[in-house]
N, C-alpha and C. Protein backbone atom coordinates (compact mmCIF):
# COMPACT_ATOMS: atom_id res chain seq x y z
N MET A 1 0.56 195.02 34.51
CA MET A 1 0.75 195.12 35.94
C MET A 1 1.47 193.87 36.44
N ARG A 2 2.49 194.06 37.27
CA ARG A 2 3.29 192.93 37.81
C ARG A 2 2.60 192.34 39.02
N HIS A 3 2.68 191.01 39.10
CA HIS A 3 2.19 190.30 40.29
C HIS A 3 3.21 190.46 41.39
N TRP A 4 2.78 190.56 42.63
CA TRP A 4 3.69 190.81 43.75
C TRP A 4 4.71 189.70 43.96
N THR A 5 4.46 188.48 43.43
CA THR A 5 5.41 187.38 43.61
C THR A 5 6.47 187.32 42.52
N GLU A 6 6.35 188.13 41.50
CA GLU A 6 7.34 188.11 40.44
C GLU A 6 8.70 188.54 40.98
N GLY A 7 9.71 187.84 40.54
CA GLY A 7 11.06 188.17 40.98
C GLY A 7 11.53 187.36 42.18
N PHE A 8 10.62 186.64 42.81
CA PHE A 8 11.03 185.79 43.93
C PHE A 8 11.52 184.46 43.40
N ASP A 9 12.54 183.94 44.00
CA ASP A 9 13.08 182.64 43.63
C ASP A 9 12.23 181.56 44.28
N ASP A 10 11.69 180.64 43.50
CA ASP A 10 10.83 179.58 44.03
C ASP A 10 11.56 178.68 45.01
N ASP A 11 12.88 178.53 44.85
CA ASP A 11 13.64 177.63 45.71
C ASP A 11 14.21 178.32 46.95
N ALA A 12 13.93 179.59 47.13
CA ALA A 12 14.53 180.34 48.23
C ALA A 12 14.14 179.78 49.60
N ASP A 13 12.90 179.34 49.76
CA ASP A 13 12.45 178.83 51.06
C ASP A 13 12.74 177.35 51.25
N GLU A 14 13.19 176.66 50.22
CA GLU A 14 13.45 175.23 50.31
C GLU A 14 14.48 174.91 51.38
N SER A 15 15.48 175.77 51.53
CA SER A 15 16.52 175.51 52.52
C SER A 15 15.97 175.60 53.94
N LEU A 16 14.87 176.29 54.15
CA LEU A 16 14.25 176.37 55.47
C LEU A 16 13.24 175.26 55.69
N VAL A 17 12.55 174.87 54.65
CA VAL A 17 11.49 173.87 54.78
C VAL A 17 12.07 172.47 54.98
N ARG A 18 13.10 172.12 54.28
CA ARG A 18 13.65 170.77 54.35
C ARG A 18 14.09 170.38 55.76
N PRO A 19 14.90 171.18 56.47
CA PRO A 19 15.26 170.78 57.84
C PRO A 19 14.04 170.64 58.75
N TYR A 20 13.07 171.51 58.61
CA TYR A 20 11.85 171.42 59.41
C TYR A 20 11.12 170.12 59.12
N THR A 21 11.11 169.72 57.86
CA THR A 21 10.44 168.49 57.46
C THR A 21 11.16 167.25 57.97
N ILE A 22 12.48 167.21 57.83
CA ILE A 22 13.20 165.99 58.23
C ILE A 22 13.23 165.79 59.73
N THR A 23 13.01 166.86 60.50
CA THR A 23 12.98 166.71 61.95
C THR A 23 11.57 166.53 62.48
N GLY A 24 10.61 166.43 61.60
CA GLY A 24 9.22 166.26 62.03
C GLY A 24 8.69 167.51 62.73
N GLY A 25 9.18 168.66 62.36
CA GLY A 25 8.71 169.91 62.93
C GLY A 25 9.44 170.34 64.19
N ARG A 26 10.36 169.53 64.64
CA ARG A 26 11.11 169.90 65.85
C ARG A 26 12.18 170.92 65.49
N THR A 27 12.32 171.93 66.30
CA THR A 27 13.27 172.99 66.00
C THR A 27 14.45 173.02 66.96
N ALA A 28 14.39 172.25 68.03
CA ALA A 28 15.48 172.21 69.00
C ALA A 28 15.71 170.77 69.43
N PRO A 29 16.98 170.38 69.66
CA PRO A 29 17.26 169.02 70.11
C PRO A 29 16.69 168.77 71.50
N GLU A 30 16.21 167.57 71.72
CA GLU A 30 15.69 167.19 73.04
C GLU A 30 16.82 166.85 74.00
N ARG A 31 17.94 166.46 73.47
CA ARG A 31 19.09 166.08 74.29
C ARG A 31 19.98 167.30 74.49
N ASP A 32 20.48 167.45 75.70
CA ASP A 32 21.40 168.55 75.96
C ASP A 32 22.83 168.06 76.16
N ASP A 33 23.06 166.77 75.93
CA ASP A 33 24.39 166.20 76.14
C ASP A 33 25.19 166.07 74.84
N LEU A 34 24.68 166.58 73.75
CA LEU A 34 25.39 166.49 72.47
C LEU A 34 26.08 167.82 72.17
N ALA A 35 27.37 167.86 72.43
CA ALA A 35 28.18 169.04 72.11
C ALA A 35 28.77 168.86 70.72
N LEU A 36 29.38 169.90 70.20
CA LEU A 36 29.99 169.82 68.87
C LEU A 36 31.05 168.74 68.80
N ILE A 37 31.76 168.50 69.90
CA ILE A 37 32.85 167.53 69.88
C ILE A 37 32.47 166.18 70.49
N THR A 38 31.19 165.98 70.79
CA THR A 38 30.73 164.69 71.28
C THR A 38 30.89 163.66 70.17
N LEU A 39 31.49 162.52 70.50
CA LEU A 39 31.68 161.46 69.50
C LEU A 39 30.46 160.55 69.46
N VAL A 40 30.03 160.21 68.25
CA VAL A 40 28.92 159.28 68.06
C VAL A 40 29.38 158.14 67.17
N THR A 41 28.88 156.95 67.47
CA THR A 41 29.22 155.77 66.68
C THR A 41 28.06 154.79 66.71
N THR A 42 28.03 153.91 65.72
CA THR A 42 26.94 152.94 65.63
C THR A 42 27.10 151.85 66.69
N VAL A 43 25.98 151.26 67.06
CA VAL A 43 25.97 150.17 68.03
C VAL A 43 26.15 148.84 67.30
N SER A 44 25.54 148.71 66.12
CA SER A 44 25.66 147.48 65.34
C SER A 44 26.11 147.83 63.92
N ASP A 45 26.34 146.80 63.12
CA ASP A 45 26.81 147.02 61.75
C ASP A 45 25.70 147.37 60.78
N THR A 46 24.47 146.94 61.09
CA THR A 46 23.37 147.19 60.17
C THR A 46 22.19 147.81 60.90
N LEU A 47 21.44 148.57 60.17
CA LEU A 47 20.25 149.21 60.69
C LEU A 47 19.09 148.23 60.55
N PRO A 48 18.37 147.91 61.64
CA PRO A 48 17.25 146.96 61.53
C PRO A 48 16.18 147.49 60.58
N GLU A 49 15.50 146.59 59.93
CA GLU A 49 14.40 146.95 59.03
C GLU A 49 13.20 147.43 59.85
N PRO A 50 12.43 148.39 59.31
CA PRO A 50 11.23 148.83 60.01
C PRO A 50 10.29 147.65 60.29
N GLY A 51 9.73 147.61 61.48
CA GLY A 51 8.83 146.53 61.86
C GLY A 51 9.55 145.34 62.46
N ARG A 52 10.87 145.29 62.37
CA ARG A 52 11.66 144.18 62.93
C ARG A 52 12.59 144.69 64.03
N GLY A 53 12.03 145.47 64.89
CA GLY A 53 12.83 146.04 65.97
C GLY A 53 13.50 147.34 65.60
N GLY A 54 13.30 147.77 64.36
CA GLY A 54 13.91 149.02 63.91
C GLY A 54 12.93 150.17 63.99
N PRO A 55 13.44 151.36 63.92
CA PRO A 55 12.57 152.52 63.95
C PRO A 55 11.67 152.58 62.72
N ARG A 56 10.48 153.09 62.88
CA ARG A 56 9.51 153.09 61.79
C ARG A 56 9.77 154.17 60.75
N ARG A 57 9.99 155.39 61.17
CA ARG A 57 10.07 156.49 60.23
C ARG A 57 11.47 157.07 60.18
N LEU A 58 12.32 156.46 59.43
CA LEU A 58 13.67 157.00 59.26
C LEU A 58 13.72 157.84 58.00
N GLN A 59 14.32 158.99 58.13
CA GLN A 59 14.56 159.84 56.97
C GLN A 59 15.85 159.36 56.30
N PRO A 60 16.05 159.71 55.05
CA PRO A 60 17.32 159.37 54.40
C PRO A 60 18.53 159.89 55.17
N GLU A 61 18.37 161.03 55.82
CA GLU A 61 19.46 161.60 56.61
C GLU A 61 19.81 160.73 57.81
N HIS A 62 18.81 160.08 58.42
CA HIS A 62 19.07 159.14 59.50
C HIS A 62 19.96 158.01 59.00
N ARG A 63 19.63 157.49 57.85
CA ARG A 63 20.41 156.38 57.28
C ARG A 63 21.83 156.83 56.92
N GLU A 64 21.94 158.07 56.44
CA GLU A 64 23.27 158.58 56.10
C GLU A 64 24.12 158.77 57.36
N ILE A 65 23.49 159.26 58.43
CA ILE A 65 24.21 159.39 59.71
C ILE A 65 24.68 158.03 60.18
N PHE A 66 23.81 157.03 60.09
CA PHE A 66 24.17 155.68 60.51
C PHE A 66 25.37 155.19 59.71
N ALA A 67 25.36 155.42 58.41
CA ALA A 67 26.48 154.98 57.56
C ALA A 67 27.76 155.72 57.91
N LEU A 68 27.66 157.02 58.15
CA LEU A 68 28.84 157.81 58.50
C LEU A 68 29.44 157.39 59.83
N CYS A 69 28.60 157.04 60.78
CA CYS A 69 29.05 156.79 62.15
C CYS A 69 29.51 155.35 62.39
N ARG A 70 29.79 154.63 61.34
CA ARG A 70 30.38 153.30 61.54
C ARG A 70 31.76 153.43 62.16
N ARG A 71 32.35 154.58 61.96
CA ARG A 71 33.57 154.94 62.69
C ARG A 71 33.22 156.17 63.51
N PRO A 72 33.80 156.33 64.68
CA PRO A 72 33.43 157.46 65.54
C PRO A 72 33.65 158.81 64.86
N LEU A 73 32.64 159.65 64.94
CA LEU A 73 32.72 161.00 64.39
C LEU A 73 32.16 161.99 65.41
N ALA A 74 32.66 163.20 65.38
CA ALA A 74 32.12 164.26 66.21
C ALA A 74 30.82 164.77 65.59
N VAL A 75 29.95 165.30 66.41
CA VAL A 75 28.68 165.84 65.94
C VAL A 75 28.93 166.89 64.85
N ALA A 76 29.91 167.73 65.03
CA ALA A 76 30.23 168.76 64.03
C ALA A 76 30.64 168.14 62.70
N GLU A 77 31.38 167.04 62.74
CA GLU A 77 31.79 166.37 61.50
C GLU A 77 30.59 165.78 60.77
N VAL A 78 29.66 165.22 61.52
CA VAL A 78 28.45 164.66 60.91
C VAL A 78 27.64 165.78 60.25
N ALA A 79 27.48 166.91 60.94
CA ALA A 79 26.74 168.04 60.39
C ALA A 79 27.39 168.54 59.11
N ALA A 80 28.71 168.61 59.10
CA ALA A 80 29.43 169.07 57.91
C ALA A 80 29.26 168.10 56.75
N ALA A 81 29.32 166.80 57.04
CA ALA A 81 29.17 165.80 55.98
C ALA A 81 27.77 165.83 55.38
N LEU A 82 26.76 166.11 56.21
CA LEU A 82 25.37 166.17 55.73
C LEU A 82 25.02 167.52 55.14
N ASN A 83 25.87 168.52 55.39
CA ASN A 83 25.58 169.88 54.96
C ASN A 83 24.26 170.37 55.56
N LEU A 84 24.09 170.08 56.85
CA LEU A 84 22.90 170.49 57.60
C LEU A 84 23.32 171.32 58.80
N PRO A 85 22.42 172.17 59.30
CA PRO A 85 22.75 172.89 60.53
C PRO A 85 23.00 171.92 61.68
N VAL A 86 23.85 172.33 62.61
CA VAL A 86 24.19 171.47 63.74
C VAL A 86 22.96 171.13 64.57
N SER A 87 22.06 172.10 64.74
CA SER A 87 20.86 171.83 65.55
C SER A 87 20.00 170.74 64.93
N VAL A 88 19.87 170.73 63.62
CA VAL A 88 19.11 169.69 62.93
C VAL A 88 19.83 168.35 63.07
N THR A 89 21.13 168.37 62.91
CA THR A 89 21.92 167.14 63.03
C THR A 89 21.80 166.57 64.43
N LYS A 90 21.81 167.41 65.45
CA LYS A 90 21.66 166.94 66.83
C LYS A 90 20.31 166.26 67.03
N ILE A 91 19.26 166.80 66.43
CA ILE A 91 17.94 166.19 66.53
C ILE A 91 17.95 164.80 65.92
N LEU A 92 18.53 164.68 64.73
CA LEU A 92 18.57 163.38 64.04
C LEU A 92 19.44 162.37 64.78
N ILE A 93 20.58 162.82 65.29
CA ILE A 93 21.45 161.94 66.07
C ILE A 93 20.71 161.49 67.33
N GLY A 94 20.01 162.42 67.97
CA GLY A 94 19.23 162.08 69.16
C GLY A 94 18.19 161.01 68.88
N ASP A 95 17.56 161.07 67.71
CA ASP A 95 16.59 160.04 67.32
C ASP A 95 17.25 158.67 67.29
N LEU A 96 18.43 158.59 66.68
CA LEU A 96 19.13 157.32 66.55
C LEU A 96 19.66 156.82 67.89
N ILE A 97 20.05 157.72 68.77
CA ILE A 97 20.49 157.31 70.11
C ILE A 97 19.30 156.77 70.89
N GLU A 98 18.16 157.45 70.77
CA GLU A 98 16.95 157.04 71.49
C GLU A 98 16.48 155.65 71.07
N THR A 99 16.66 155.31 69.80
CA THR A 99 16.24 153.99 69.32
C THR A 99 17.32 152.93 69.50
N GLY A 100 18.46 153.32 70.06
CA GLY A 100 19.52 152.36 70.33
C GLY A 100 20.41 152.05 69.14
N GLN A 101 20.34 152.85 68.10
CA GLN A 101 21.17 152.60 66.91
C GLN A 101 22.54 153.25 67.01
N LEU A 102 22.63 154.35 67.75
CA LEU A 102 23.90 155.06 67.96
C LEU A 102 24.16 155.18 69.45
N ARG A 103 25.41 155.39 69.78
CA ARG A 103 25.77 155.73 71.15
C ARG A 103 26.68 156.95 71.08
N SER A 104 26.63 157.72 72.14
CA SER A 104 27.47 158.92 72.19
C SER A 104 28.45 158.80 73.33
N ARG A 105 29.56 159.47 73.17
CA ARG A 105 30.58 159.50 74.22
C ARG A 105 31.00 160.94 74.40
N PRO A 106 30.90 161.42 75.63
CA PRO A 106 31.30 162.81 75.84
C PRO A 106 32.78 163.00 75.52
N PRO A 107 33.13 164.20 75.13
CA PRO A 107 34.53 164.45 74.80
C PRO A 107 35.41 164.23 76.02
N MET A 108 36.64 163.80 75.75
CA MET A 108 37.59 163.58 76.84
C MET A 108 37.97 164.92 77.43
N THR A 109 38.12 164.94 78.73
CA THR A 109 38.56 166.16 79.39
C THR A 109 39.89 165.89 80.06
N PHE A 110 40.62 166.93 80.25
CA PHE A 110 41.91 166.82 80.90
C PHE A 110 41.86 167.47 82.28
N ALA A 111 40.87 167.04 83.05
CA ALA A 111 40.69 167.63 84.37
C ALA A 111 40.60 166.55 85.43
N HIS A 112 40.97 166.92 86.62
CA HIS A 112 40.82 166.04 87.78
C HIS A 112 39.36 166.06 88.22
N ALA A 113 39.04 165.25 89.20
CA ALA A 113 37.69 165.24 89.77
C ALA A 113 37.34 166.60 90.34
N SER A 114 38.36 167.38 90.73
CA SER A 114 38.11 168.71 91.30
C SER A 114 37.64 169.69 90.23
N GLY A 115 37.76 169.32 88.95
CA GLY A 115 37.36 170.21 87.87
C GLY A 115 38.49 171.08 87.36
N LEU A 116 39.64 171.03 88.01
CA LEU A 116 40.78 171.82 87.57
C LEU A 116 41.62 171.00 86.58
N PRO A 117 42.26 171.67 85.62
CA PRO A 117 43.08 170.95 84.65
C PRO A 117 44.24 170.22 85.33
N ASP A 118 44.61 169.10 84.76
CA ASP A 118 45.76 168.33 85.25
C ASP A 118 47.03 169.06 84.81
N MET A 119 47.78 169.57 85.75
CA MET A 119 48.96 170.37 85.45
C MET A 119 50.04 169.57 84.73
N ASP A 120 50.14 168.27 85.00
CA ASP A 120 51.14 167.45 84.32
C ASP A 120 50.85 167.37 82.82
N ILE A 121 49.59 167.23 82.48
CA ILE A 121 49.22 167.17 81.06
C ILE A 121 49.48 168.52 80.40
N LEU A 122 49.10 169.58 81.06
CA LEU A 122 49.32 170.91 80.50
C LEU A 122 50.82 171.20 80.30
N LYS A 123 51.63 170.78 81.24
CA LYS A 123 53.07 170.98 81.12
C LYS A 123 53.64 170.16 79.97
N ALA A 124 53.16 168.93 79.82
CA ALA A 124 53.63 168.08 78.73
C ALA A 124 53.25 168.69 77.38
N VAL A 125 52.06 169.23 77.27
CA VAL A 125 51.64 169.89 76.04
C VAL A 125 52.52 171.11 75.77
N ARG A 126 52.73 171.92 76.80
CA ARG A 126 53.58 173.11 76.65
C ARG A 126 54.99 172.71 76.19
N ASP A 127 55.56 171.71 76.82
CA ASP A 127 56.92 171.28 76.46
C ASP A 127 56.95 170.74 75.02
N GLY A 128 55.93 170.01 74.64
CA GLY A 128 55.86 169.49 73.29
C GLY A 128 55.75 170.59 72.25
N LEU A 129 55.00 171.62 72.57
CA LEU A 129 54.86 172.75 71.64
C LEU A 129 56.17 173.52 71.52
N ARG A 130 56.90 173.63 72.60
CA ARG A 130 58.19 174.34 72.57
C ARG A 130 59.20 173.60 71.69
N GLU A 131 59.10 172.29 71.65
CA GLU A 131 60.04 171.50 70.85
C GLU A 131 59.78 171.60 69.36
N LEU A 132 58.61 172.06 68.99
CA LEU A 132 58.27 172.16 67.56
C LEU A 132 59.07 173.17 66.84
């Protein structure tokens, strides 16, 4: 007689458990200002040691994000480099922003204060594309 678990891959649930574990059980980012194209970068060159002004419980992924963001990267680029879902990456980036290790910059927009696109920029883009 076969046991009901025969034929199941033992590693099948690992891809679901690991993100849940590295985020401390959080399933949604607390910050709503992190878009896919939001740029993140480090505040300093080194991550403080735990107990010396640094965060206590950093996951290896936090450290990898810190290393990646020594140059500005978009949230989507960080997620791709870590091979993690964007929602998990946003949670981890939010942790580092909250502790002052990273800073974020909203994506540049090409709009006036009125919220409408700047027609001069759009025309310049159009003309540039026509020249190609």
